[in-house]
Amino acid sequence: MKYSFNKDTKIYVAGHKGLIGSAFMRFFENNDYT
């Protein structure tokens, strides 16, 4: 995926334990958005 988010911006992922939410969390964690 090609997205440009500021890495300092707070991002709230609702449903982070579900299928889609966990995929978003993995994406953000793998791309240094933690």
N, C-alpha and C. Protein backbone atom coordinates (compact mmCIF):
# COMPACT_ATOMS: atom_id res chain seq x y z
N MET A 1 0.84 -1.18 0.00
CA MET A 1 0.00 0.00 0.00
C MET A 1 0.88 1.24 0.00
N LYS A 2 0.40 2.26 -0.63
CA LYS A 2 1.13 3.52 -0.68
C LYS A 2 0.28 4.61 -0.06
N TYR A 3 0.60 4.94 1.19
CA TYR A 3 -0.11 5.99 1.91
C TYR A 3 0.93 6.89 2.55
N SER A 4 0.58 8.14 2.69
CA SER A 4 1.50 9.06 3.35
C SER A 4 0.80 9.68 4.56
N PHE A 5 1.10 9.13 5.72
CA PHE A 5 0.63 9.67 6.98
C PHE A 5 1.83 10.26 7.69
N ASN A 6 1.62 11.34 8.39
CA ASN A 6 2.67 11.88 9.23
C ASN A 6 2.87 10.90 10.38
N LYS A 7 4.08 10.46 10.60
CA LYS A 7 4.35 9.45 11.62
C LYS A 7 4.17 9.98 13.03
N ASP A 8 4.00 11.28 13.20
CA ASP A 8 3.75 11.87 14.51
C ASP A 8 2.25 11.99 14.82
N THR A 9 1.42 11.77 13.82
CA THR A 9 -0.02 11.90 13.99
C THR A 9 -0.57 10.71 14.77
N LYS A 10 -1.46 10.99 15.71
CA LYS A 10 -2.11 9.91 16.46
C LYS A 10 -3.21 9.31 15.59
N ILE A 11 -3.23 8.00 15.51
CA ILE A 11 -4.22 7.29 14.70
C ILE A 11 -4.95 6.32 15.62
N TYR A 12 -6.27 6.42 15.66
CA TYR A 12 -7.08 5.52 16.47
C TYR A 12 -7.66 4.44 15.56
N VAL A 13 -7.37 3.19 15.88
CA VAL A 13 -7.91 2.08 15.10
C VAL A 13 -8.97 1.38 15.95
N ALA A 14 -10.23 1.57 15.57
CA ALA A 14 -11.33 0.91 16.28
C ALA A 14 -11.37 -0.55 15.86
N GLY A 15 -11.58 -1.43 16.80
CA GLY A 15 -11.66 -2.85 16.49
C GLY A 15 -10.31 -3.45 16.18
N HIS A 16 -9.29 -3.04 16.92
CA HIS A 16 -7.93 -3.48 16.64
C HIS A 16 -7.71 -4.97 16.92
N LYS A 17 -8.70 -5.63 17.52
CA LYS A 17 -8.58 -7.07 17.76
C LYS A 17 -9.33 -7.88 16.71
N GLY A 18 -10.03 -7.21 15.81
CA GLY A 18 -10.76 -7.90 14.75
C GLY A 18 -9.87 -8.14 13.54
N LEU A 19 -10.44 -8.70 12.50
CA LEU A 19 -9.68 -9.07 11.31
C LEU A 19 -9.08 -7.86 10.59
N ILE A 20 -9.89 -6.88 10.28
CA ILE A 20 -9.42 -5.71 9.54
C ILE A 20 -8.59 -4.80 10.43
N GLY A 21 -9.07 -4.57 11.65
CA GLY A 21 -8.33 -3.71 12.58
C GLY A 21 -6.95 -4.25 12.88
N SER A 22 -6.83 -5.57 13.06
CA SER A 22 -5.51 -6.15 13.35
C SER A 22 -4.59 -6.04 12.13
N ALA A 23 -5.16 -6.10 10.93
CA ALA A 23 -4.35 -5.92 9.72
C ALA A 23 -3.81 -4.49 9.65
N PHE A 24 -4.66 -3.51 10.00
CA PHE A 24 -4.19 -2.13 10.05
C PHE A 24 -3.10 -1.95 11.10
N MET A 25 -3.30 -2.56 12.26
CA MET A 25 -2.30 -2.45 13.33
C MET A 25 -0.97 -3.04 12.88
N ARG A 26 -0.99 -4.20 12.23
CA ARG A 26 0.25 -4.81 11.72
C ARG A 26 0.92 -3.89 10.70
N PHE A 27 0.11 -3.31 9.81
CA PHE A 27 0.66 -2.40 8.81
C PHE A 27 1.36 -1.21 9.47
N PHE A 28 0.69 -0.58 10.42
CA PHE A 28 1.28 0.57 11.10
C PHE A 28 2.52 0.19 11.89
N GLU A 29 2.47 -0.94 12.59
CA GLU A 29 3.63 -1.37 13.38
C GLU A 29 4.81 -1.74 12.48
N ASN A 30 4.54 -2.36 11.34
CA ASN A 30 5.61 -2.76 10.42
C ASN A 30 6.22 -1.57 9.69
N ASN A 31 5.52 -0.45 9.69
CA ASN A 31 6.01 0.74 8.99
C ASN A 31 6.35 1.87 9.95
N ASP A 32 6.70 1.51 11.18
CA ASP A 32 7.19 2.46 12.20
C ASP A 32 6.20 3.56 12.55
N TYR A 33 4.93 3.22 12.64
CA TYR A 33 3.92 4.18 13.07
C TYR A 33 3.56 3.98 14.53
N THR A 34 4.42 3.33 15.31
CA THR A 34 4.10 3.06 16.71
C THR A 34 4.52 4.21 17.60
